[in-house]
Amino acid sequence: MLAFGSVLLGVSFAGGTISWNLWVTKFAIPSETAKYMAMHTFFNGIRGVLAPVAGYIIASTDSIQTASDYSVGLMFVSCLMLAPLIPKGAPFDRQNRLEEG
């Protein structure tokens, strides 16, 4: 059972890694894919450096409730930022992006 679980976990991680690297082709215009992926990777690195520091400061100065309130607030803000990107028809369909690229 342990071996099966390990194989399943490995396949899941591999699938996640492949999806992580390929999803940008569904989002960015083909000619802009490299630029988008470079910016995406850079900002994930910035987040990876700053998030643990911010988490430590929040955990050491505030309550768990306050930390969860910050988290919910940030998730809400991110949803608001993504709202304009909700597909609205032809300008966002893959065929048009392929023709542009």
Protein backbone atom coordinates (compact mmCIF):
# COMPACT_ATOMS: atom_id res chain seq x y z
CA MET A 1 0.00 0.00 0.00
CA LEU A 2 2.87 2.37 0.79
CA ALA A 3 4.44 1.73 -2.62
CA PHE A 4 1.12 2.41 -4.37
CA GLY A 5 0.71 5.65 -2.43
CA SER A 6 4.26 6.70 -3.31
CA VAL A 7 3.70 6.03 -7.00
CA LEU A 8 0.41 7.93 -6.93
CA LEU A 9 2.06 10.88 -5.19
CA GLY A 10 4.92 10.91 -7.71
CA VAL A 11 2.55 10.84 -10.67
CA SER A 12 0.49 13.63 -9.11
CA PHE A 13 3.54 15.82 -8.54
CA ALA A 14 4.76 15.17 -12.09
CA GLY A 15 1.36 16.06 -13.52
CA GLY A 16 1.27 19.22 -11.46
CA THR A 17 4.71 20.25 -12.70
CA ILE A 18 3.80 19.62 -16.33
CA SER A 19 0.50 21.49 -15.93
CA TRP A 20 2.30 24.38 -14.24
CA ASN A 21 4.64 24.75 -17.21
CA LEU A 22 2.00 24.29 -19.93
CA TRP A 23 -0.99 26.26 -18.64
CA VAL A 24 0.62 29.51 -19.77
CA THR A 25 0.08 28.39 -23.38
CA LYS A 26 -3.67 28.58 -22.71
CA PHE A 27 -3.44 32.05 -21.19
CA ALA A 28 -0.84 34.04 -23.12
CA ILE A 29 -0.74 34.92 -26.80
CA PRO A 30 1.72 32.46 -28.40
CA SER A 31 4.23 35.17 -29.32
CA GLU A 32 4.17 36.47 -25.73
CA THR A 33 4.39 33.12 -23.91
CA ALA A 34 8.09 33.41 -23.02
CA LYS A 35 7.72 36.95 -21.66
CA TYR A 36 4.66 36.01 -19.64
CA MET A 37 6.32 32.92 -18.18
CA ALA A 38 9.44 34.92 -17.27
CA MET A 39 7.37 37.52 -15.40
CA HIS A 40 5.24 34.85 -13.77
CA THR A 41 8.29 32.95 -12.52
CA PHE A 42 9.95 36.15 -11.29
CA PHE A 43 6.93 37.27 -9.30
CA ASN A 44 6.47 33.80 -7.83
CA GLY A 45 10.07 34.02 -6.65
CA ILE A 46 9.42 37.40 -5.04
CA ARG A 47 6.35 35.97 -3.34
CA GLY A 48 8.37 32.97 -2.18
CA VAL A 49 10.90 35.27 -0.53
CA LEU A 50 8.47 37.75 1.03
CA ALA A 51 5.61 35.46 2.10
CA PRO A 52 7.50 33.57 4.84
CA VAL A 53 8.75 36.84 6.32
CA ALA A 54 5.27 38.36 6.27
CA GLY A 55 3.83 35.13 7.70
CA TYR A 56 6.33 35.13 10.54
CA ILE A 57 5.60 38.77 11.39
CA ILE A 58 1.84 38.20 11.33
CA ALA A 59 2.10 34.98 13.35
CA SER A 60 4.29 36.60 16.00
CA THR A 61 2.27 39.81 16.39
CA ASP A 62 -1.37 38.92 15.66
CA SER A 63 -3.89 36.25 16.57
CA ILE A 64 -4.83 33.31 14.37
CA GLN A 65 -8.15 35.02 13.67
CA THR A 66 -6.39 38.15 12.41
CA ALA A 67 -4.05 36.06 10.25
CA SER A 68 -7.03 34.26 8.71
CA ASP A 69 -8.75 37.61 8.15
CA TYR A 70 -5.67 38.81 6.23
CA SER A 71 -5.76 35.63 4.16
CA VAL A 72 -9.44 35.95 3.30
CA GLY A 73 -8.94 39.61 2.43
CA LEU A 74 -6.04 38.84 0.10
CA MET A 75 -8.03 36.07 -1.60
CA PHE A 76 -10.93 38.47 -2.11
CA VAL A 77 -8.64 41.13 -3.59
CA SER A 78 -7.09 38.56 -5.95
CA CYS A 79 -10.56 37.54 -7.13
CA LEU A 80 -11.40 41.17 -7.83
CA MET A 81 -8.17 41.57 -9.78
CA LEU A 82 -8.98 38.53 -11.92
CA ALA A 83 -12.60 39.51 -12.59
CA PRO A 84 -11.76 41.59 -15.70
CA LEU A 85 -10.10 38.52 -17.22
CA ILE A 86 -13.27 36.42 -17.23
CA PRO A 87 -13.75 35.29 -20.82
CA LYS A 88 -16.26 37.42 -22.68
CA GLY A 89 -16.31 35.72 -26.05
CA ALA A 90 -14.28 35.98 -29.22
CA PRO A 91 -11.36 38.14 -28.03
CA PHE A 92 -10.43 35.45 -25.52
CA ASP A 93 -10.93 32.30 -27.56
CA ARG A 94 -7.92 30.21 -28.49
CA GLN A 95 -8.42 30.47 -32.26
CA ASN A 96 -8.13 34.27 -32.17
CA ARG A 97 -5.01 34.07 -30.01
CA LEU A 98 -3.40 31.63 -32.45
CA GLU A 99 -4.16 33.95 -35.35
CA GLU A 100 -2.62 36.90 -33.47
CA GLY A 101 0.57 34.95 -32.67
